[in-house]
Amino acid sequence: MTTHPAPDRPPFALGYGTNGFGDHPLPAALDVLDTLGYEAVALTLGHPHLDPFAPGAASVTARLADRLGRMHDGAGADVVVETGTRYTLDAWTKHRPTLVDREADLRMRYLTRAIDVAATLDATCVSFFSGVLPDGDRPAEGWARLLDRLPVLLEEAGEHGVQLAIEPEPGMLVETVEDALRLRSDLGDPAGLGLTVDVGHCLVVEPDGVVGALRAAAPVLTNFQLDDMPRTHHEHRPFGEGDLDLPLVLATLADIDYRGVAAVELPRHSHDSPALARRSLAAVRRAWADVVGHPHPEAP
């Protein structure tokens, strides 16, 4: 759905993550984002919005496809299916089970359902993470599980015409862009597997910083998440409350010709989501105006 931009707007589709609207029903969250002028939605599957295991999930997804198609003045909103739900699979343990756990059948079924949803919504991709290695397990064991399980998901996604994108996460087995690229290489560099990059994570774990990480990921960059973050630890923050140089990020995205979805990722800020979505959109627009009118001195 995304078209080439006019000079006064970024080349990517700016979106907002529904995990930042946890106190809104999904239709209300979409109404807010549509009214504000967002072009894309990053849809996290699970509580409280769209549980892919719930009875009637297929019909709910079909109605959602219709709603997304009417957004953005009838042009339709781009959508990314995100799978970072916290307690959908285990009411006691965040994110478990993951793809690096010894037993991952429930995670595999969840990701298979996510592929079904993405196919119905004509989503840009299904984004997912590796998971934190269980206590006592060696990295090689977790790596072997990824190499065993991902081909199954890639085959399923390929049959549905859906792109997958793995997201490096601080503290997880696949933590950096380099880790993700090595995983792709070990899998034979499948075309169906791209990368999701969260720019805040780059501040915390990427040895070459934001620009280095984006340039390394550029050939397979499929999905992008925007947030501020301190350099010292993994904590998603609104723009201006961390160490992120937003104009530099946008200039780099433009330089590598990224034209996918870039969604604001603030999963712990649902209490202020409408106002924060408004401020986030304004911050990105100001930063882009800085890039276009006054090129950032550190930009390539």
C-alpha atoms as a PDB file:
ATOM      1  CA  MET A   1       0.000   0.000   0.000  1.00  0.00           C
ATOM      2  CA  THR A   2       2.881   2.364   0.701  1.00  0.00           C
ATOM      3  CA  THR A   3       3.766   4.691  -2.196  1.00  0.00           C
ATOM      4  CA  HIS A   4       6.860   6.730  -2.863  1.00  0.00           C
ATOM      5  CA  PRO A   5       6.803   9.787  -0.639  1.00  0.00           C
ATOM      6  CA  ALA A   6       6.608  13.474  -1.286  1.00  0.00           C
ATOM      7  CA  PRO A   7       9.745  15.290  -0.051  1.00  0.00           C
ATOM      8  CA  ASP A   8       7.905  16.600   3.015  1.00  0.00           C
ATOM      9  CA  ARG A   9       7.248  13.141   4.473  1.00  0.00           C
ATOM     10  CA  PRO A  10       9.441  10.135   5.229  1.00  0.00           C
ATOM     11  CA  PRO A  11       9.870   7.316   2.720  1.00  0.00           C
ATOM     12  CA  PHE A  12       8.524   4.758   5.187  1.00  0.00           C
ATOM     13  CA  ALA A  13       4.982   4.235   6.515  1.00  0.00           C
ATOM     14  CA  LEU A  14       4.770   5.596  10.042  1.00  0.00           C
ATOM     15  CA  GLY A  15       2.801   3.330  12.361  1.00  0.00           C
ATOM     16  CA  TYR A  16       2.037   2.770  16.015  1.00  0.00           C
ATOM     17  CA  GLY A  17       2.036  -0.486  17.966  1.00  0.00           C
ATOM     18  CA  THR A  18      -1.259  -1.703  19.405  1.00  0.00           C
ATOM     19  CA  ASN A  19       0.637  -3.004  22.434  1.00  0.00           C
ATOM     20  CA  GLY A  20       0.807   0.662  23.413  1.00  0.00           C
ATOM     21  CA  PHE A  21      -3.016   0.820  23.460  1.00  0.00           C
ATOM     22  CA  GLY A  22      -3.660  -1.900  26.026  1.00  0.00           C
ATOM     23  CA  ASP A  23      -6.475   0.058  27.706  1.00  0.00           C
ATOM     24  CA  HIS A  24      -8.424   0.526  24.458  1.00  0.00           C
ATOM     25  CA  PRO A  25     -10.509  -1.998  22.542  1.00  0.00           C
ATOM     26  CA  LEU A  26      -8.813  -2.581  19.211  1.00  0.00           C
ATOM     27  CA  PRO A  27     -11.459  -0.727  17.125  1.00  0.00           C
ATOM     28  CA  ALA A  28     -11.109   2.326  19.369  1.00  0.00           C
ATOM     29  CA  ALA A  29      -7.314   2.203  19.122  1.00  0.00           C
ATOM     30  CA  LEU A  30      -7.531   2.096  15.328  1.00  0.00           C
ATOM     31  CA  ASP A  31      -9.959   5.017  15.341  1.00  0.00           C
ATOM     32  CA  VAL A  32      -7.465   7.101  17.335  1.00  0.00           C
ATOM     33  CA  LEU A  33      -4.539   6.209  15.069  1.00  0.00           C
ATOM     34  CA  ASP A  34      -6.573   6.842  11.939  1.00  0.00           C
ATOM     35  CA  THR A  35      -7.767  10.222  13.186  1.00  0.00           C
ATOM     36  CA  LEU A  36      -4.217  11.256  14.054  1.00  0.00           C
ATOM     37  CA  GLY A  37      -3.003  10.362  10.558  1.00  0.00           C
ATOM     38  CA  TYR A  38      -0.932   7.196  11.049  1.00  0.00           C
ATOM     39  CA  GLU A  39      -0.335   5.207   7.881  1.00  0.00           C
ATOM     40  CA  ALA A  40       0.403   1.839   9.460  1.00  0.00           C
ATOM     41  CA  VAL A  41      -0.383  -0.382  12.438  1.00  0.00           C
ATOM     42  CA  ALA A  42       1.860  -2.842  14.261  1.00  0.00           C
ATOM     43  CA  LEU A  43      -0.660  -5.381  15.557  1.00  0.00           C
ATOM     44  CA  THR A  44       0.420  -7.460  18.549  1.00  0.00           C
ATOM     45  CA  LEU A  45      -1.548 -10.717  18.681  1.00  0.00           C
ATOM     46  CA  GLY A  46      -2.907 -11.635  22.093  1.00  0.00           C
ATOM     47  CA  HIS A  47      -4.491  -9.950  25.077  1.00  0.00           C
ATOM     48  CA  PRO A  48      -6.317  -7.578  25.000  1.00  0.00           C
ATOM     49  CA  HIS A  49      -6.930  -7.207  21.256  1.00  0.00           C
ATOM     50  CA  LEU A  50      -6.808 -10.174  18.899  1.00  0.00           C
ATOM     51  CA  ASP A  51      -6.182 -13.604  20.427  1.00  0.00           C
ATOM     52  CA  PRO A  52      -5.536 -15.950  17.490  1.00  0.00           C
ATOM     53  CA  PHE A  53      -6.629 -18.931  19.617  1.00  0.00           C
ATOM     54  CA  ALA A  54     -10.011 -17.427  20.568  1.00  0.00           C
ATOM     55  CA  PRO A  55     -13.224 -18.835  19.083  1.00  0.00           C
ATOM     56  CA  GLY A  56     -14.233 -16.738  16.108  1.00  0.00           C
ATOM     57  CA  ALA A  57     -10.734 -15.321  15.606  1.00  0.00           C
ATOM     58  CA  ALA A  58     -10.957 -15.881  11.848  1.00  0.00           C
ATOM     59  CA  SER A  59     -14.106 -13.758  11.501  1.00  0.00           C
ATOM     60  CA  VAL A  60     -12.659 -11.063  13.766  1.00  0.00           C
ATOM     61  CA  THR A  61      -9.562 -10.995  11.579  1.00  0.00           C
ATOM     62  CA  ALA A  62     -11.663 -10.657   8.428  1.00  0.00           C
ATOM     63  CA  ARG A  63     -13.497  -7.664   9.914  1.00  0.00           C
ATOM     64  CA  LEU A  64     -10.171  -6.188  10.943  1.00  0.00           C
ATOM     65  CA  ALA A  65      -8.915  -6.479   7.363  1.00  0.00           C
ATOM     66  CA  ASP A  66     -11.902  -4.451   6.227  1.00  0.00           C
ATOM     67  CA  ARG A  67     -11.277  -1.778   8.886  1.00  0.00           C
ATOM     68  CA  LEU A  68      -7.608  -1.482   7.999  1.00  0.00           C
ATOM     69  CA  GLY A  69      -8.539  -1.122   4.346  1.00  0.00           C
ATOM     70  CA  ARG A  70     -10.682   1.907   5.149  1.00  0.00           C
ATOM     71  CA  MET A  71      -7.993   3.715   7.131  1.00  0.00           C
ATOM     72  CA  HIS A  72      -5.740   6.475   5.854  1.00  0.00           C
ATOM     73  CA  ASP A  73      -8.486   8.245   3.884  1.00  0.00           C
ATOM     74  CA  GLY A  74      -9.453   5.032   2.137  1.00  0.00           C
ATOM     75  CA  ALA A  75      -5.941   4.223   0.935  1.00  0.00           C
ATOM     76  CA  GLY A  76      -5.642   1.554   3.614  1.00  0.00           C
ATOM     77  CA  ALA A  77      -3.127   1.155   6.403  1.00  0.00           C
ATOM     78  CA  ASP A  78      -0.080  -1.046   6.149  1.00  0.00           C
ATOM     79  CA  VAL A  79       0.083  -3.630   8.913  1.00  0.00           C
ATOM     80  CA  VAL A  80       2.795  -5.663  10.600  1.00  0.00           C
ATOM     81  CA  VAL A  81       1.867  -8.647  12.762  1.00  0.00           C
ATOM     82  CA  GLU A  82       3.877  -8.548  15.984  1.00  0.00           C
ATOM     83  CA  THR A  83       4.142 -11.534  18.326  1.00  0.00           C
ATOM     84  CA  GLY A  84       5.728 -10.018  21.428  1.00  0.00           C
ATOM     85  CA  THR A  85       2.703 -10.693  23.610  1.00  0.00           C
ATOM     86  CA  ARG A  86       3.651 -11.207  27.242  1.00  0.00           C
ATOM     87  CA  TYR A  87       1.268 -13.705  28.867  1.00  0.00           C
ATOM     88  CA  THR A  88      -0.933 -15.080  26.091  1.00  0.00           C
ATOM     89  CA  LEU A  89       0.824 -18.447  26.080  1.00  0.00           C
ATOM     90  CA  ASP A  90       1.612 -18.781  29.796  1.00  0.00           C
ATOM     91  CA  ALA A  91      -0.295 -16.856  32.452  1.00  0.00           C
ATOM     92  CA  TRP A  92       2.630 -17.152  34.865  1.00  0.00           C
ATOM     93  CA  THR A  93       5.764 -16.619  32.794  1.00  0.00           C
ATOM     94  CA  LYS A  94       6.321 -13.725  30.380  1.00  0.00           C
ATOM     95  CA  HIS A  95       6.894 -14.735  26.765  1.00  0.00           C
ATOM     96  CA  ARG A  96       7.196 -18.477  27.494  1.00  0.00           C
ATOM     97  CA  PRO A  97       7.419 -20.797  25.748  1.00  0.00           C
ATOM     98  CA  THR A  98       9.841 -19.411  23.164  1.00  0.00           C
ATOM     99  CA  LEU A  99      11.557 -20.895  20.141  1.00  0.00           C
ATOM    100  CA  VAL A 100      14.673 -21.693  22.196  1.00  0.00           C
ATOM    101  CA  ASP A 101      12.828 -23.584  24.944  1.00  0.00           C
ATOM    102  CA  ARG A 102      13.052 -27.368  25.098  1.00  0.00           C
ATOM    103  CA  GLU A 103       9.294 -27.594  24.507  1.00  0.00           C
ATOM    104  CA  ALA A 104       8.008 -25.053  22.007  1.00  0.00           C
ATOM    105  CA  ASP A 105       4.860 -26.613  20.500  1.00  0.00           C
ATOM    106  CA  LEU A 106       2.612 -23.844  21.829  1.00  0.00           C
ATOM    107  CA  ARG A 107       4.916 -21.123  20.468  1.00  0.00           C
ATOM    108  CA  MET A 108       5.004 -22.875  17.108  1.00  0.00           C
ATOM    109  CA  ARG A 109       1.205 -23.065  17.000  1.00  0.00           C
ATOM    110  CA  TYR A 110       0.969 -19.403  17.981  1.00  0.00           C
ATOM    111  CA  LEU A 111       3.349 -18.345  15.209  1.00  0.00           C
ATOM    112  CA  THR A 112       1.466 -20.520  12.732  1.00  0.00           C
ATOM    113  CA  ARG A 113      -1.740 -18.717  13.713  1.00  0.00           C
ATOM    114  CA  ALA A 114       0.119 -15.411  13.317  1.00  0.00           C
ATOM    115  CA  ILE A 115       0.984 -16.420   9.755  1.00  0.00           C
ATOM    116  CA  ASP A 116      -2.700 -17.122   9.088  1.00  0.00           C
ATOM    117  CA  VAL A 117      -3.649 -13.698  10.432  1.00  0.00           C
ATOM    118  CA  ALA A 118      -0.919 -12.008   8.392  1.00  0.00           C
ATOM    119  CA  ALA A 119      -2.152 -13.693   5.219  1.00  0.00           C
ATOM    120  CA  THR A 120      -5.707 -12.472   5.833  1.00  0.00           C
ATOM    121  CA  LEU A 121      -4.525  -8.934   6.560  1.00  0.00           C
ATOM    122  CA  ASP A 122      -2.008  -8.862   3.693  1.00  0.00           C
ATOM    123  CA  ALA A 123       0.558  -7.888   6.318  1.00  0.00           C
ATOM    124  CA  THR A 124       4.060  -6.747   5.525  1.00  0.00           C
ATOM    125  CA  CYS A 125       5.468  -9.484   7.760  1.00  0.00           C
ATOM    126  CA  VAL A 126       5.177 -11.520  10.938  1.00  0.00           C
ATOM    127  CA  SER A 127       7.783 -10.266  13.386  1.00  0.00           C
ATOM    128  CA  PHE A 128       9.081 -12.552  16.140  1.00  0.00           C
ATOM    129  CA  PHE A 129      11.996 -13.043  18.550  1.00  0.00           C
ATOM    130  CA  SER A 130      14.161 -16.001  19.496  1.00  0.00           C
ATOM    131  CA  GLY A 131      13.580 -15.933  23.252  1.00  0.00           C
ATOM    132  CA  VAL A 132      15.764 -15.986  26.340  1.00  0.00           C
ATOM    133  CA  LEU A 133      17.785 -19.169  26.721  1.00  0.00           C
ATOM    134  CA  PRO A 134      16.447 -21.315  29.604  1.00  0.00           C
ATOM    135  CA  ASP A 135      18.599 -21.516  32.725  1.00  0.00           C
ATOM    136  CA  GLY A 136      21.188 -24.248  32.430  1.00  0.00           C
ATOM    137  CA  ASP A 137      20.988 -24.590  28.657  1.00  0.00           C
ATOM    138  CA  ARG A 138      23.992 -23.903  26.466  1.00  0.00           C
ATOM    139  CA  PRO A 139      23.758 -21.392  23.596  1.00  0.00           C
ATOM    140  CA  ALA A 140      24.515 -24.175  21.127  1.00  0.00           C
ATOM    141  CA  GLU A 141      21.405 -26.022  22.282  1.00  0.00           C
ATOM    142  CA  GLY A 142      19.192 -23.007  21.746  1.00  0.00           C
ATOM    143  CA  TRP A 143      20.788 -22.343  18.375  1.00  0.00           C
ATOM    144  CA  ALA A 144      20.124 -25.919  17.286  1.00  0.00           C
ATOM    145  CA  ARG A 145      16.466 -25.532  18.249  1.00  0.00           C
ATOM    146  CA  LEU A 146      16.163 -22.404  16.116  1.00  0.00           C
ATOM    147  CA  LEU A 147      17.744 -24.165  13.152  1.00  0.00           C
ATOM    148  CA  ASP A 148      15.329 -27.061  13.621  1.00  0.00           C
ATOM    149  CA  ARG A 149      12.151 -25.019  14.064  1.00  0.00           C
ATOM    150  CA  LEU A 150      12.529 -22.031  11.762  1.00  0.00           C
ATOM    151  CA  PRO A 151      12.475 -24.054   8.511  1.00  0.00           C
ATOM    152  CA  VAL A 152       9.049 -25.372   9.536  1.00  0.00           C
ATOM    153  CA  LEU A 153       7.771 -21.822  10.019  1.00  0.00           C
ATOM    154  CA  LEU A 154       9.424 -20.618   6.831  1.00  0.00           C
ATOM    155  CA  GLU A 155       7.703 -23.351   4.848  1.00  0.00           C
ATOM    156  CA  GLU A 156       4.341 -22.485   6.397  1.00  0.00           C
ATOM    157  CA  ALA A 157       4.857 -18.778   5.741  1.00  0.00           C
ATOM    158  CA  GLY A 158       5.950 -19.422   2.173  1.00  0.00           C
ATOM    159  CA  GLU A 159       2.795 -21.402   1.471  1.00  0.00           C
ATOM    160  CA  HIS A 160       0.746 -18.401   2.619  1.00  0.00           C
ATOM    161  CA  GLY A 161       2.874 -15.764   0.876  1.00  0.00           C
ATOM    162  CA  VAL A 162       3.918 -14.269   4.220  1.00  0.00           C
ATOM    163  CA  GLN A 163       7.315 -12.786   5.070  1.00  0.00           C
ATOM    164  CA  LEU A 164       8.910 -13.508   8.459  1.00  0.00           C
ATOM    165  CA  ALA A 165      11.215 -11.108  10.296  1.00  0.00           C
ATOM    166  CA  ILE A 166      13.291 -11.991  13.351  1.00  0.00           C
ATOM    167  CA  GLU A 167      13.918  -9.248  15.900  1.00  0.00           C
ATOM    168  CA  PRO A 168      17.148  -9.156  17.924  1.00  0.00           C
ATOM    169  CA  GLU A 169      16.311  -8.396  21.569  1.00  0.00           C
ATOM    170  CA  PRO A 170      18.599  -7.502  24.480  1.00  0.00           C
ATOM    171  CA  GLY A 171      19.120 -10.554  26.662  1.00  0.00           C
ATOM    172  CA  MET A 172      17.804 -13.038  24.103  1.00  0.00           C
ATOM    173  CA  LEU A 173      19.792 -15.664  22.254  1.00  0.00           C
ATOM    174  CA  VAL A 174      19.496 -13.608  19.074  1.00  0.00           C
ATOM    175  CA  GLU A 175      20.491 -10.290  20.624  1.00  0.00           C
ATOM    176  CA  THR A 176      22.157  -8.273  17.876  1.00  0.00           C
ATOM    177  CA  VAL A 177      21.855  -7.712  14.145  1.00  0.00           C
ATOM    178  CA  GLU A 178      25.032  -9.740  13.739  1.00  0.00           C
ATOM    179  CA  ASP A 179      23.376 -12.662  15.555  1.00  0.00           C
ATOM    180  CA  ALA A 180      20.331 -12.433  13.293  1.00  0.00           C
ATOM    181  CA  LEU A 181      22.440 -12.307  10.143  1.00  0.00           C
ATOM    182  CA  ARG A 182      24.437 -15.336  11.316  1.00  0.00           C
ATOM    183  CA  LEU A 183      21.194 -17.209  11.906  1.00  0.00           C
ATOM    184  CA  ARG A 184      20.024 -16.373   8.380  1.00  0.00           C
ATOM    185  CA  SER A 185      23.348 -17.557   7.030  1.00  0.00           C
ATOM    186  CA  ASP A 186      23.145 -20.843   8.949  1.00  0.00           C
ATOM    187  CA  LEU A 187      19.662 -21.339   7.475  1.00  0.00           C
ATOM    188  CA  GLY A 188      20.952 -20.732   3.954  1.00  0.00           C
ATOM    189  CA  ASP A 189      19.906 -17.051   3.738  1.00  0.00           C
ATOM    190  CA  PRO A 190      16.240 -17.782   3.006  1.00  0.00           C
ATOM    191  CA  ALA A 191      14.465 -14.982   1.162  1.00  0.00           C
ATOM    192  CA  GLY A 192      11.443 -15.463   3.423  1.00  0.00           C
ATOM    193  CA  LEU A 193      13.322 -14.412   6.557  1.00  0.00           C
ATOM    194  CA  GLY A 194      14.118 -10.753   7.075  1.00  0.00           C
ATOM    195  CA  LEU A 195      15.005  -8.650  10.105  1.00  0.00           C
ATOM    196  CA  THR A 196      13.057  -6.458  12.468  1.00  0.00           C
ATOM    197  CA  VAL A 197      15.221  -3.780  14.076  1.00  0.00           C
ATOM    198  CA  ASP A 198      14.123  -1.830  17.148  1.00  0.00           C
ATOM    199  CA  VAL A 199      16.186   1.337  17.178  1.00  0.00           C
ATOM    200  CA  GLY A 200      16.160   1.554  20.964  1.00  0.00           C
ATOM    201  CA  HIS A 201      17.758  -1.871  21.222  1.00  0.00           C
ATOM    202  CA  CYS A 202      20.577  -0.618  19.016  1.00  0.00           C
ATOM    203  CA  LEU A 203      21.530   1.922  21.675  1.00  0.00           C
ATOM    204  CA  VAL A 204      21.896  -0.819  24.272  1.00  0.00           C
ATOM    205  CA  VAL A 205      23.495  -3.801  22.522  1.00  0.00           C
ATOM    206  CA  GLU A 206      24.800  -2.892  19.065  1.00  0.00           C
ATOM    207  CA  PRO A 207      28.600  -2.435  19.071  1.00  0.00           C
ATOM    208  CA  ASP A 208      28.474  -0.183  15.985  1.00  0.00           C
ATOM    209  CA  GLY A 209      25.525   1.855  17.234  1.00  0.00           C
ATOM    210  CA  VAL A 210      22.343   2.714  15.424  1.00  0.00           C
ATOM    211  CA  VAL A 211      23.880   3.654  12.082  1.00  0.00           C
ATOM    212  CA  GLY A 212      26.137   0.594  11.962  1.00  0.00           C
ATOM    213  CA  ALA A 213      23.283  -1.743  12.842  1.00  0.00           C
ATOM    214  CA  LEU A 214      20.950  -0.262  10.240  1.00  0.00           C
ATOM    215  CA  ARG A 215      23.562  -0.406   7.525  1.00  0.00           C
ATOM    216  CA  ALA A 216      24.352  -4.033   8.354  1.00  0.00           C
ATOM    217  CA  ALA A 217      20.663  -4.971   8.367  1.00  0.00           C
ATOM    218  CA  ALA A 218      19.728  -2.881   5.320  1.00  0.00           C
ATOM    219  CA  PRO A 219      19.698  -5.639   2.661  1.00  0.00           C
ATOM    220  CA  VAL A 220      17.148  -7.671   4.643  1.00  0.00           C
ATOM    221  CA  LEU A 221      15.504  -4.997   6.807  1.00  0.00           C
ATOM    222  CA  THR A 222      11.805  -5.875   6.737  1.00  0.00           C
ATOM    223  CA  ASN A 223      10.358  -4.124   9.779  1.00  0.00           C
ATOM    224  CA  PHE A 224      11.438  -1.208  11.973  1.00  0.00           C
ATOM    225  CA  GLN A 225      10.419  -0.103  15.458  1.00  0.00           C
ATOM    226  CA  LEU A 226      10.809   3.425  16.778  1.00  0.00           C
ATOM    227  CA  ASP A 227      11.277   4.392  20.416  1.00  0.00           C
ATOM    228  CA  ASP A 228      13.685   6.253  22.629  1.00  0.00           C
ATOM    229  CA  MET A 229      15.849   4.430  25.152  1.00  0.00           C
ATOM    230  CA  PRO A 230      18.761   5.066  27.497  1.00  0.00           C
ATOM    231  CA  ARG A 231      22.062   3.573  26.445  1.00  0.00           C
ATOM    232  CA  THR A 232      22.387   1.846  29.801  1.00  0.00           C
ATOM    233  CA  HIS A 233      19.427  -0.547  29.775  1.00  0.00           C
ATOM    234  CA  HIS A 234      16.429  -1.890  27.883  1.00  0.00           C
ATOM    235  CA  GLU A 235      13.573   0.514  28.648  1.00  0.00           C
ATOM    236  CA  HIS A 236      11.245   1.817  25.934  1.00  0.00           C
ATOM    237  CA  ARG A 237      10.648   5.543  26.383  1.00  0.00           C
ATOM    238  CA  PRO A 238       8.859   8.315  24.485  1.00  0.00           C
ATOM    239  CA  PHE A 239      10.966  10.423  22.137  1.00  0.00           C
ATOM    240  CA  GLY A 240      13.102  12.925  23.985  1.00  0.00           C
ATOM    241  CA  GLU A 241      13.364  10.847  27.166  1.00  0.00           C
ATOM    242  CA  GLY A 242      16.376   8.748  26.184  1.00  0.00           C
ATOM    243  CA  ASP A 243      19.601   8.944  24.202  1.00  0.00           C
ATOM    244  CA  LEU A 244      18.200   8.539  20.684  1.00  0.00           C
ATOM    245  CA  ASP A 245      19.171  10.968  17.917  1.00  0.00           C
ATOM    246  CA  LEU A 246      15.901  10.776  15.983  1.00  0.00           C
ATOM    247  CA  PRO A 247      16.923  12.934  12.989  1.00  0.00           C
ATOM    248  CA  LEU A 248      20.009  10.772  12.521  1.00  0.00           C
ATOM    249  CA  VAL A 249      17.872   7.622  12.595  1.00  0.00           C
ATOM    250  CA  LEU A 250      15.463   8.990   9.992  1.00  0.00           C
ATOM    251  CA  ALA A 251      18.302  10.229   7.806  1.00  0.00           C
ATOM    252  CA  THR A 252      19.888   6.778   7.906  1.00  0.00           C
ATOM    253  CA  LEU A 253      16.604   5.056   7.056  1.00  0.00           C
ATOM    254  CA  ALA A 254      16.243   7.372   4.071  1.00  0.00           C
ATOM    255  CA  ASP A 255      19.837   6.784   3.029  1.00  0.00           C
ATOM    256  CA  ILE A 256      19.400   2.985   2.987  1.00  0.00           C
ATOM    257  CA  ASP A 257      16.087   3.511   1.133  1.00  0.00           C
ATOM    258  CA  TYR A 258      13.941   1.757   3.716  1.00  0.00           C
ATOM    259  CA  ARG A 259      10.297   1.901   2.588  1.00  0.00           C
ATOM    260  CA  GLY A 260       8.564  -0.479   4.970  1.00  0.00           C
ATOM    261  CA  VAL A 261       6.679   0.152   8.203  1.00  0.00           C
ATOM    262  CA  ALA A 262       8.329   2.081  11.033  1.00  0.00           C
ATOM    263  CA  ALA A 263       6.070   1.762  14.069  1.00  0.00           C
ATOM    264  CA  VAL A 264       6.352   3.491  17.420  1.00  0.00           C
ATOM    265  CA  GLU A 265       6.892   0.793  20.056  1.00  0.00           C
ATOM    266  CA  LEU A 266       5.833   1.898  23.557  1.00  0.00           C
ATOM    267  CA  PRO A 267       4.275  -1.159  25.222  1.00  0.00           C
ATOM    268  CA  ARG A 268       4.346   0.246  28.754  1.00  0.00           C
ATOM    269  CA  HIS A 269       2.584   3.533  28.060  1.00  0.00           C
ATOM    270  CA  SER A 270      -1.034   2.568  27.458  1.00  0.00           C
ATOM    271  CA  HIS A 271      -2.137   4.900  30.252  1.00  0.00           C
ATOM    272  CA  ASP A 272      -1.330   7.887  28.024  1.00  0.00           C
ATOM    273  CA  SER A 273      -1.663   6.334  24.581  1.00  0.00           C
ATOM    274  CA  PRO A 274      -3.803   8.888  22.663  1.00  0.00           C
ATOM    275  CA  ALA A 275      -1.712  11.859  23.770  1.00  0.00           C
ATOM    276  CA  LEU A 276       1.524   9.935  23.344  1.00  0.00           C
ATOM    277  CA  ALA A 277       0.556   8.781  19.845  1.00  0.00           C
ATOM    278  CA  ARG A 278      -0.100  12.414  18.962  1.00  0.00           C
ATOM    279  CA  ARG A 279       3.231  13.578  20.421  1.00  0.00           C
ATOM    280  CA  SER A 280       5.142  10.742  18.756  1.00  0.00           C
ATOM    281  CA  LEU A 281       3.753  11.618  15.345  1.00  0.00           C
ATOM    282  CA  ALA A 282       4.661  15.260  15.868  1.00  0.00           C
ATOM    283  CA  ALA A 283       8.185  14.316  16.993  1.00  0.00           C
ATOM    284  CA  VAL A 284       8.811  12.221  13.884  1.00  0.00           C
ATOM    285  CA  ARG A 285       7.475  14.967  11.635  1.00  0.00           C
ATOM    286  CA  ARG A 286       9.723  17.545  13.302  1.00  0.00           C
ATOM    287  CA  ALA A 287      12.714  15.263  13.005  1.00  0.00           C
ATOM    288  CA  TRP A 288      11.986  14.607   9.329  1.00  0.00           C
ATOM    289  CA  ALA A 289      11.666  18.327   8.656  1.00  0.00           C
ATOM    290  CA  ASP A 290      15.094  18.701  10.261  1.00  0.00           C
ATOM    291  CA  VAL A 291      16.481  16.029   7.932  1.00  0.00           C
ATOM    292  CA  VAL A 292      14.950  17.546   4.800  1.00  0.00           C
ATOM    293  CA  GLY A 293      15.503  21.211   5.569  1.00  0.00           C
ATOM    294  CA  HIS A 294      18.639  21.041   7.657  1.00  0.00           C
ATOM    295  CA  PRO A 295      20.580  17.804   7.042  1.00  0.00           C
ATOM    296  CA  HIS A 296      21.869  16.346  10.267  1.00  0.00           C
ATOM    297  CA  PRO A 297      25.623  16.973  10.659  1.00  0.00           C
ATOM    298  CA  GLU A 298      26.268  13.322  11.545  1.00  0.00           C
ATOM    299  CA  ALA A 299      24.173  11.878   8.749  1.00  0.00           C
ATOM    300  CA  PRO A 300      26.069  10.155   5.957  1.00  0.00           C
END
